[in-house]
């Protein structure tokens, strides 16, 4: 279970970074997989309009927190 949570956290970090790169430059590699949050969630949440980069950075920070929390739990 610990590895699954770490994988989820790593996915959130990569997804957030990919979303920032997508907004600032071009579509990164594996954009369909990594930009799910960016392409599906953000357009449907009205208060995130105009704050896409910030939302993706927060997603990355949440991913880091999940990875750290998974590391600190005892097996």
C-alpha atoms as a PDB file:
ATOM      1  CA  UNK A   1       0.000   0.000   0.000  1.00  0.00           C
ATOM      2  CA  UNK A   2       2.886   2.315   0.790  1.00  0.00           C
ATOM      3  CA  UNK A   3       4.316   1.932  -2.728  1.00  0.00           C
ATOM      4  CA  UNK A   4       0.908   2.650  -4.274  1.00  0.00           C
ATOM      5  CA  UNK A   5       0.645   5.900  -2.311  1.00  0.00           C
ATOM      6  CA  UNK A   6       4.172   6.849  -3.337  1.00  0.00           C
ATOM      7  CA  UNK A   7       3.283   6.147  -6.962  1.00  0.00           C
ATOM      8  CA  UNK A   8       0.175   8.337  -6.659  1.00  0.00           C
ATOM      9  CA  UNK A   9       2.275  11.153  -5.191  1.00  0.00           C
ATOM     10  CA  UNK A  10       4.855  10.833  -7.961  1.00  0.00           C
ATOM     11  CA  UNK A  11       2.068  10.941 -10.551  1.00  0.00           C
ATOM     12  CA  UNK A  12       0.665  14.121  -8.960  1.00  0.00           C
ATOM     13  CA  UNK A  13       4.102  15.770  -9.033  1.00  0.00           C
ATOM     14  CA  UNK A  14       4.684  14.831 -12.671  1.00  0.00           C
ATOM     15  CA  UNK A  15       1.158  15.846 -13.641  1.00  0.00           C
ATOM     16  CA  UNK A  16       1.539  19.264 -12.023  1.00  0.00           C
ATOM     17  CA  UNK A  17       4.903  19.925 -13.628  1.00  0.00           C
ATOM     18  CA  UNK A  18       3.596  18.756 -16.990  1.00  0.00           C
ATOM     19  CA  UNK A  19       0.630  21.116 -16.676  1.00  0.00           C
ATOM     20  CA  UNK A  20       2.888  24.084 -15.950  1.00  0.00           C
ATOM     21  CA  UNK A  21       5.098  23.238 -18.921  1.00  0.00           C
ATOM     22  CA  UNK A  22       1.997  22.869 -21.092  1.00  0.00           C
ATOM     23  CA  UNK A  23       0.750  26.329 -20.132  1.00  0.00           C
ATOM     24  CA  UNK A  24       4.116  28.055 -20.455  1.00  0.00           C
ATOM     25  CA  UNK A  25       5.594  26.318 -23.507  1.00  0.00           C
ATOM     26  CA  UNK A  26       4.281  23.328 -25.447  1.00  0.00           C
ATOM     27  CA  UNK A  27       2.615  19.966 -24.927  1.00  0.00           C
ATOM     28  CA  UNK A  28       5.144  17.736 -23.121  1.00  0.00           C
ATOM     29  CA  UNK A  29       5.763  14.054 -23.702  1.00  0.00           C
ATOM     30  CA  UNK A  30       2.885  11.810 -22.597  1.00  0.00           C
ATOM     31  CA  UNK A  31       0.652  14.874 -22.410  1.00  0.00           C
ATOM     32  CA  UNK A  32      -2.596  12.917 -22.703  1.00  0.00           C
ATOM     33  CA  UNK A  33      -1.718  10.857 -19.624  1.00  0.00           C
ATOM     34  CA  UNK A  34      -0.024  13.570 -17.554  1.00  0.00           C
ATOM     35  CA  UNK A  35      -2.350  16.459 -18.409  1.00  0.00           C
ATOM     36  CA  UNK A  36      -5.624  14.861 -17.306  1.00  0.00           C
ATOM     37  CA  UNK A  37      -5.951  17.401 -14.462  1.00  0.00           C
ATOM     38  CA  UNK A  38      -5.021  20.215 -16.805  1.00  0.00           C
ATOM     39  CA  UNK A  39      -7.426  19.216 -19.601  1.00  0.00           C
ATOM     40  CA  UNK A  40     -10.400  17.827 -17.665  1.00  0.00           C
ATOM     41  CA  UNK A  41     -10.526  19.260 -14.139  1.00  0.00           C
ATOM     42  CA  UNK A  42      -9.386  22.877 -14.563  1.00  0.00           C
ATOM     43  CA  UNK A  43     -11.832  23.812 -17.375  1.00  0.00           C
ATOM     44  CA  UNK A  44     -14.766  22.488 -15.309  1.00  0.00           C
ATOM     45  CA  UNK A  45     -13.913  24.387 -12.105  1.00  0.00           C
ATOM     46  CA  UNK A  46     -14.826  28.042 -12.604  1.00  0.00           C
ATOM     47  CA  UNK A  47     -12.726  29.583  -9.837  1.00  0.00           C
ATOM     48  CA  UNK A  48      -9.534  28.124 -11.363  1.00  0.00           C
ATOM     49  CA  UNK A  49      -9.989  30.116 -14.574  1.00  0.00           C
ATOM     50  CA  UNK A  50      -6.936  32.321 -14.944  1.00  0.00           C
ATOM     51  CA  UNK A  51      -5.025  30.412 -12.262  1.00  0.00           C
ATOM     52  CA  UNK A  52      -4.070  27.332 -14.266  1.00  0.00           C
ATOM     53  CA  UNK A  53      -0.329  27.573 -13.573  1.00  0.00           C
ATOM     54  CA  UNK A  54      -0.930  28.113  -9.854  1.00  0.00           C
ATOM     55  CA  UNK A  55      -3.346  25.153  -9.736  1.00  0.00           C
ATOM     56  CA  UNK A  56      -0.770  22.895 -11.378  1.00  0.00           C
ATOM     57  CA  UNK A  57       1.932  24.043  -8.962  1.00  0.00           C
ATOM     58  CA  UNK A  58      -0.403  23.303  -6.036  1.00  0.00           C
ATOM     59  CA  UNK A  59      -1.028  19.852  -7.528  1.00  0.00           C
ATOM     60  CA  UNK A  60       2.739  19.260  -7.565  1.00  0.00           C
ATOM     61  CA  UNK A  61       3.056  20.432  -3.961  1.00  0.00           C
ATOM     62  CA  UNK A  62       0.274  18.063  -2.905  1.00  0.00           C
ATOM     63  CA  UNK A  63       2.121  15.257  -4.687  1.00  0.00           C
ATOM     64  CA  UNK A  64       5.317  16.044  -2.777  1.00  0.00           C
ATOM     65  CA  UNK A  65       3.360  16.050   0.488  1.00  0.00           C
ATOM     66  CA  UNK A  66       1.829  12.655  -0.349  1.00  0.00           C
ATOM     67  CA  UNK A  67       5.248  11.157  -1.126  1.00  0.00           C
ATOM     68  CA  UNK A  68       6.736  12.544   2.101  1.00  0.00           C
ATOM     69  CA  UNK A  69       3.779  11.292   4.136  1.00  0.00           C
ATOM     70  CA  UNK A  70       4.101   7.838   2.583  1.00  0.00           C
ATOM     71  CA  UNK A  71       7.808   7.783   3.416  1.00  0.00           C
ATOM     72  CA  UNK A  72       7.158   8.647   7.065  1.00  0.00           C
ATOM     73  CA  UNK A  73       4.597   5.937   7.682  1.00  0.00           C
ATOM     74  CA  UNK A  74       5.841   2.720   9.162  1.00  0.00           C
ATOM     75  CA  UNK A  75       5.502  -0.423   7.056  1.00  0.00           C
END
